[in-house]
Amino acid sequence: MKKFLKITSIVLVIALVAVFAACGAKDDTDADAPKDVVKVVNIALTEEDYAFGVSKDDAELQKAVNDFVKEIKEDGTLESIINKYYDKGEPTPVYSAKEDAAKDQLIVATNAAFAPFEYLDGDAYYGIDMELMKLLADKLGKELVIKNVDFDAVCSTVDNGYADIAAAGLTVNEDRTKFVTFSEAYFKASQMIIAKADDTTFDACKTADDVTAILNGFDASKKFGVQTGTTGQYYVEGDESFGFDGYKVTCTGYSNGALAVQDLINGNIDYVVIDEAPAMKIAESFNAQN
């Protein structure tokens, strides 16, 4: 028994020494851990509705799309697909058929650089909109064709008769109704700011009014990046149809949000304004690469 107590005491002393040594030692793990390069200012600056832009000349398709949106809202399909991209589910790849006038096809215009709504991985399309368009095509008994174009050409592609429907995280807007007829809304969205991780400019902000007060104090020396043709551009530059006054900053357009954020990291611009969901995805991607 005495021998056991002696051994136990030695083990206990060794354990205590190890604990105290660990407490006093320098922790290199935290110092070496990757640090975020960008952050999203998590305050919604706008309130928007996303909808699909349908050919103005196709009343039958307009009704079919509205019926589809109503159905997927009611039966939980929409929520299930959205959760794949927000709750780390398993996204489903969508493939485009080759356009063929002899076949019964649903031709969708998109800009596949707007995750989580549409993006490419090899020849597979992913995203909330892409999965919904595949379901719509199947429901209509049509083959799905996806046309990947610049964002600011998505609605005009439909208007010019080169596509039947626009699905590209489109904010409902009066100007865009010149080109398409909007379906019922299927998603609520907002604009947010991406800043460098060490930027404290907006840290004390609690509301959108707090953020806009700071933005209104900026001049042309502040450089903002946006995806060309998106609501973010209209928010920064100002647009009457959206009801945005704009700001006195310098605004630079990019073909996609990731390029804008890369320029932010490179120090060429100060901030990026883009829709909330893409903002979160882009920031997550860049921080994971660091």
Protein backbone atom coordinates (compact mmCIF):
# COMPACT_ATOMS: atom_id res chain seq x y z
CA MET A 1 0.00 0.00 0.00
CA LYS A 2 2.81 2.41 0.87
CA LYS A 3 4.55 1.60 -2.40
CA PHE A 4 1.33 2.39 -4.32
CA LEU A 5 0.92 5.72 -2.51
CA LYS A 6 4.51 6.64 -3.25
CA ILE A 7 4.14 5.93 -6.95
CA THR A 8 0.83 7.80 -7.04
CA SER A 9 2.44 10.83 -5.39
CA ILE A 10 5.26 10.89 -7.94
CA VAL A 11 2.80 10.71 -10.83
CA LEU A 12 0.77 13.55 -9.28
CA VAL A 13 3.84 15.75 -8.90
CA ILE A 14 4.87 15.12 -12.52
CA ALA A 15 1.34 15.99 -13.67
CA LEU A 16 1.29 19.23 -11.67
CA VAL A 17 4.72 20.24 -13.01
CA ALA A 18 3.47 19.63 -16.54
CA VAL A 19 0.37 21.75 -15.94
CA PHE A 20 2.33 24.67 -14.50
CA ALA A 21 4.92 24.41 -17.26
CA ALA A 22 2.17 24.54 -19.85
CA CYS A 23 0.62 27.59 -18.20
CA GLY A 24 3.89 29.43 -18.19
CA ALA A 25 5.03 28.41 -21.66
CA LYS A 26 4.55 30.59 -24.72
CA ASP A 27 1.70 29.30 -26.90
CA ASP A 28 3.00 29.34 -30.44
CA THR A 29 -0.17 27.73 -31.81
CA ASP A 30 -2.21 30.93 -31.73
CA ALA A 31 0.66 32.98 -33.09
CA ASP A 32 1.06 30.66 -36.06
CA ALA A 33 -2.66 30.19 -36.72
CA PRO A 34 -3.92 31.64 -40.01
CA LYS A 35 -5.55 35.03 -39.62
CA ASP A 36 -8.55 36.26 -41.58
CA VAL A 37 -7.75 38.68 -44.38
CA VAL A 38 -11.24 40.10 -44.84
CA LYS A 39 -14.47 40.41 -42.88
CA VAL A 40 -18.10 41.18 -43.62
CA VAL A 41 -19.65 44.14 -41.81
CA ASN A 42 -22.68 42.15 -40.68
CA ILE A 43 -25.27 44.90 -40.99
CA ALA A 44 -27.91 44.81 -43.74
CA LEU A 45 -27.88 48.08 -45.69
CA THR A 46 -30.89 47.35 -47.89
CA GLU A 47 -33.97 45.15 -48.11
CA GLU A 48 -34.44 43.38 -51.44
CA ASP A 49 -36.44 40.60 -53.07
CA TYR A 50 -34.89 38.10 -55.46
CA ALA A 51 -37.08 36.81 -58.29
CA PHE A 52 -36.72 35.13 -61.67
CA GLY A 53 -36.91 37.26 -64.81
CA VAL A 54 -39.22 35.65 -67.37
CA SER A 55 -39.63 36.52 -71.05
CA LYS A 56 -42.20 39.29 -71.36
CA ASP A 57 -43.73 37.54 -74.38
CA ASP A 58 -44.36 34.22 -72.65
CA ALA A 59 -47.44 34.48 -70.42
CA GLU A 60 -47.65 30.70 -70.14
CA LEU A 61 -44.12 30.46 -68.74
CA GLN A 62 -44.78 33.40 -66.40
CA LYS A 63 -47.71 31.51 -64.86
CA ALA A 64 -45.75 28.26 -64.70
CA VAL A 65 -42.86 29.94 -62.88
CA ASN A 66 -45.18 31.65 -60.38
CA ASP A 67 -46.94 28.35 -59.71
CA PHE A 68 -43.55 26.70 -59.27
CA VAL A 69 -42.32 29.34 -56.79
CA LYS A 70 -45.53 29.03 -54.77
CA GLU A 71 -45.24 25.24 -54.73
CA ILE A 72 -41.59 25.07 -53.61
CA LYS A 73 -42.29 27.57 -50.84
CA GLU A 74 -45.24 25.60 -49.52
CA ASP A 75 -43.81 22.09 -49.72
CA GLY A 76 -40.41 22.96 -48.20
CA THR A 77 -38.36 22.33 -51.33
CA LEU A 78 -37.03 25.89 -51.44
CA GLU A 79 -35.96 25.81 -47.80
CA SER A 80 -34.32 22.42 -48.29
CA ILE A 81 -32.22 23.64 -51.22
CA ILE A 82 -31.24 26.88 -49.48
CA ASN A 83 -30.14 24.88 -46.44
CA LYS A 84 -27.70 22.89 -48.60
CA TYR A 85 -25.70 26.07 -49.12
CA TYR A 86 -26.11 27.63 -45.67
CA ASP A 87 -25.94 24.62 -43.36
CA LYS A 88 -23.08 22.75 -45.02
CA GLY A 89 -25.33 20.30 -46.84
CA GLU A 90 -24.42 18.47 -50.03
CA PRO A 91 -25.08 20.64 -53.13
CA THR A 92 -26.35 18.88 -56.23
CA PRO A 93 -24.50 19.48 -59.53
CA VAL A 94 -26.55 20.68 -62.48
CA TYR A 95 -25.44 20.16 -66.07
CA SER A 96 -26.42 22.13 -69.14
CA ALA A 97 -27.57 20.42 -72.31
CA LYS A 98 -26.39 21.71 -75.67
CA GLU A 99 -28.82 24.18 -77.17
CA ASP A 100 -30.84 22.59 -79.93
CA ALA A 101 -33.80 24.32 -81.59
CA ALA A 102 -35.25 20.94 -82.51
CA LYS A 103 -35.66 19.99 -78.83
CA ASP A 104 -38.06 21.20 -76.15
CA GLN A 105 -35.68 23.15 -73.92
CA LEU A 106 -35.80 25.68 -71.10
CA ILE A 107 -32.99 28.16 -71.72
CA VAL A 108 -31.77 29.95 -68.60
CA ALA A 109 -29.50 33.00 -68.58
CA THR A 110 -27.27 33.35 -65.53
CA ASN A 111 -23.95 34.71 -64.33
CA ALA A 112 -22.16 31.81 -62.66
CA ALA A 113 -19.98 33.90 -60.38
CA PHE A 114 -22.45 34.61 -57.60
CA ALA A 115 -22.21 31.83 -55.03
CA PRO A 116 -24.26 30.48 -53.35
CA PHE A 117 -26.86 31.20 -56.04
CA GLU A 118 -24.88 30.19 -59.12
CA TYR A 119 -21.29 29.12 -59.67
CA LEU A 120 -19.23 26.70 -61.74
CA ASP A 121 -17.01 23.80 -60.78
CA GLY A 122 -15.59 22.32 -63.96
CA ASP A 123 -18.53 21.79 -66.29
CA ALA A 124 -21.02 21.47 -63.41
CA TYR A 125 -23.21 24.32 -62.28
CA TYR A 126 -24.03 24.66 -58.60
CA GLY A 127 -26.15 27.00 -56.56
CA ILE A 128 -29.65 27.67 -55.29
CA ASP A 129 -30.85 29.13 -58.59
CA MET A 130 -29.34 26.36 -60.66
CA GLU A 131 -30.95 23.60 -58.62
CA LEU A 132 -34.29 25.41 -58.80
CA MET A 133 -34.02 25.81 -62.57
CA LYS A 134 -33.31 22.09 -62.95
CA LEU A 135 -36.44 21.31 -60.93
CA LEU A 136 -38.46 23.77 -63.02
CA ALA A 137 -37.22 22.27 -66.28
CA ASP A 138 -38.07 18.76 -65.06
CA LYS A 139 -41.52 19.91 -63.95
CA LEU A 140 -42.15 21.41 -67.40
CA GLY A 141 -40.81 18.31 -69.13
CA LYS A 142 -38.05 20.31 -70.79
CA GLU A 143 -34.31 19.89 -71.20
CA LEU A 144 -32.29 22.48 -69.29
CA VAL A 145 -29.85 24.74 -71.15
CA ILE A 146 -27.78 27.22 -69.14
CA LYS A 147 -26.19 30.30 -70.73
CA ASN A 148 -23.44 31.85 -68.63
CA VAL A 149 -23.20 35.57 -69.50
CA ASP A 150 -22.03 38.80 -67.85
CA PHE A 151 -24.36 39.82 -65.05
CA ASP A 152 -25.37 43.07 -66.69
CA ALA A 153 -26.42 41.10 -69.79
CA VAL A 154 -28.59 38.51 -68.03
CA CYS A 155 -31.91 40.32 -68.45
CA SER A 156 -31.18 41.61 -71.95
CA THR A 157 -30.34 38.05 -73.03
CA VAL A 158 -33.93 37.12 -72.19
CA ASP A 159 -35.32 40.29 -73.76
CA ASN A 160 -33.46 39.59 -77.01
CA GLY A 161 -34.95 36.11 -77.22
CA TYR A 162 -31.74 34.18 -76.51
CA ALA A 163 -33.10 32.77 -73.24
CA ASP A 164 -36.48 32.08 -71.65
CA ILE A 165 -35.70 33.02 -68.08
CA ALA A 166 -33.07 34.87 -66.06
CA ALA A 167 -31.91 33.24 -62.83
CA ALA A 168 -28.99 35.12 -61.32
CA GLY A 169 -29.82 36.34 -57.83
CA LEU A 170 -31.82 39.14 -59.44
CA THR A 171 -33.16 41.92 -57.25
CA VAL A 172 -36.61 43.05 -58.35
CA ASN A 173 -36.22 46.49 -59.85
CA GLU A 174 -38.32 48.74 -62.07
CA ASP A 175 -35.55 49.29 -64.63
CA ARG A 176 -35.19 45.55 -65.15
CA THR A 177 -38.90 45.24 -65.94
CA LYS A 178 -38.05 46.87 -69.27
CA PHE A 179 -36.42 43.55 -70.17
CA VAL A 180 -38.24 40.86 -68.18
CA THR A 181 -41.37 40.14 -66.19
CA PHE A 182 -40.49 39.21 -62.63
CA SER A 183 -41.88 36.14 -60.96
CA GLU A 184 -43.05 36.03 -57.38
CA ALA A 185 -40.12 36.66 -55.03
CA TYR A 186 -38.37 33.60 -53.60
CA PHE A 187 -35.59 35.10 -51.44
CA LYS A 188 -34.96 38.11 -49.20
CA ALA A 189 -31.57 39.77 -49.68
CA SER A 190 -29.53 42.80 -48.63
CA GLN A 191 -26.30 44.61 -49.43
CA MET A 192 -23.31 44.37 -47.09
CA ILE A 193 -19.77 45.71 -46.92
CA ILE A 194 -16.61 43.60 -47.08
CA ALA A 195 -13.59 45.21 -45.43
CA LYS A 196 -10.06 44.14 -44.60
CA ALA A 197 -9.96 42.11 -41.41
CA ASP A 198 -8.01 44.76 -39.50
CA ASP A 199 -10.25 47.66 -40.60
CA THR A 200 -12.08 49.07 -37.54
CA THR A 201 -14.05 51.81 -39.32
CA PHE A 202 -17.45 50.18 -38.84
CA ASP A 203 -16.76 48.16 -35.68
CA ALA A 204 -18.88 50.38 -33.42
CA CYS A 205 -21.85 50.39 -35.81
CA LYS A 206 -25.06 48.74 -34.63
CA THR A 207 -27.54 49.77 -37.34
CA ALA A 208 -27.68 50.58 -41.04
CA ASP A 209 -28.03 54.25 -40.10
CA ASP A 210 -24.72 54.04 -38.23
CA VAL A 211 -23.02 52.65 -41.32
CA THR A 212 -24.57 55.14 -43.75
CA ALA A 213 -23.56 58.03 -41.49
CA ILE A 214 -19.95 56.95 -41.95
CA LEU A 215 -20.40 56.36 -45.69
CA ASN A 216 -21.86 59.83 -46.08
CA GLY A 217 -18.68 61.24 -44.56
CA PHE A 218 -16.48 59.64 -47.22
CA ASP A 219 -15.23 61.49 -50.30
CA ALA A 220 -13.76 60.40 -53.63
CA SER A 221 -10.53 59.34 -51.95
CA LYS A 222 -12.37 56.25 -50.65
CA LYS A 223 -12.47 53.51 -53.27
CA PHE A 224 -15.29 50.97 -53.44
CA GLY A 225 -15.46 47.82 -55.55
CA VAL A 226 -18.70 46.31 -56.85
CA GLN A 227 -19.81 43.65 -59.31
CA THR A 228 -20.82 45.50 -62.46
CA GLY A 229 -24.56 45.75 -63.02
CA THR A 230 -25.53 44.52 -59.56
CA THR A 231 -27.53 46.21 -56.83
CA GLY A 232 -24.23 46.85 -55.05
CA GLN A 233 -23.17 49.17 -57.87
CA TYR A 234 -26.48 51.01 -57.80
CA TYR A 235 -26.27 51.31 -54.01
CA VAL A 236 -22.82 52.90 -54.12
CA GLU A 237 -23.30 55.09 -57.19
CA GLY A 238 -26.95 55.93 -56.59
CA ASP A 239 -29.98 54.91 -58.63
CA GLU A 240 -33.42 56.50 -58.67
CA SER A 241 -35.28 53.32 -59.57
CA PHE A 242 -33.83 51.55 -56.54
CA GLY A 243 -34.29 54.61 -54.35
CA PHE A 244 -30.55 54.85 -53.62
CA ASP A 245 -28.95 58.27 -53.19
CA GLY A 246 -25.41 56.97 -53.59
CA TYR A 247 -22.19 58.24 -52.04
CA LYS A 248 -19.36 60.57 -53.02
CA VAL A 249 -16.85 57.75 -53.21
CA THR A 250 -14.94 56.33 -56.19
CA CYS A 251 -16.67 53.23 -57.51
CA THR A 252 -14.94 50.55 -59.60
CA GLY A 253 -16.83 47.73 -61.32
CA TYR A 254 -15.57 44.15 -61.59
CA SER A 255 -16.89 41.17 -63.53
CA ASN A 256 -17.44 39.32 -60.24
CA GLY A 257 -17.23 39.89 -56.51
CA ALA A 258 -14.18 37.69 -55.96
CA LEU A 259 -12.07 39.90 -58.22
CA ALA A 260 -13.20 42.94 -56.26
CA VAL A 261 -12.23 41.33 -52.96
CA GLN A 262 -8.85 40.29 -54.37
CA ASP A 263 -8.25 43.94 -55.28
CA LEU A 264 -9.28 44.89 -51.74
CA ILE A 265 -6.70 42.48 -50.33
CA ASN A 266 -4.10 43.86 -52.73
CA GLY A 267 -4.75 47.35 -51.36
CA ASN A 268 -6.16 48.88 -54.52
CA ILE A 269 -9.60 49.60 -53.06
CA ASP A 270 -10.91 50.17 -49.55
CA TYR A 271 -14.23 48.29 -49.48
CA VAL A 272 -16.48 46.00 -51.49
CA VAL A 273 -20.28 46.18 -51.51
CA ILE A 274 -22.16 43.06 -52.57
CA ASP A 275 -25.19 40.97 -51.66
CA GLU A 276 -25.08 39.34 -48.23
CA ALA A 277 -24.95 35.67 -49.23
CA PRO A 278 -22.15 36.09 -51.82
CA ALA A 279 -20.32 38.37 -49.37
CA MET A 280 -20.27 35.63 -46.75
CA LYS A 281 -19.18 32.96 -49.24
CA ILE A 282 -16.42 35.09 -50.78
CA ALA A 283 -15.04 36.13 -47.39
CA GLU A 284 -15.11 32.53 -46.20
CA SER A 285 -13.24 31.40 -49.30
CA PHE A 286 -10.47 34.00 -49.08
CA ASN A 287 -9.99 33.48 -45.34
CA ALA A 288 -9.75 29.71 -45.83
CA GLN A 289 -7.00 30.21 -48.42
CA ASN A 290 -4.88 32.30 -46.06
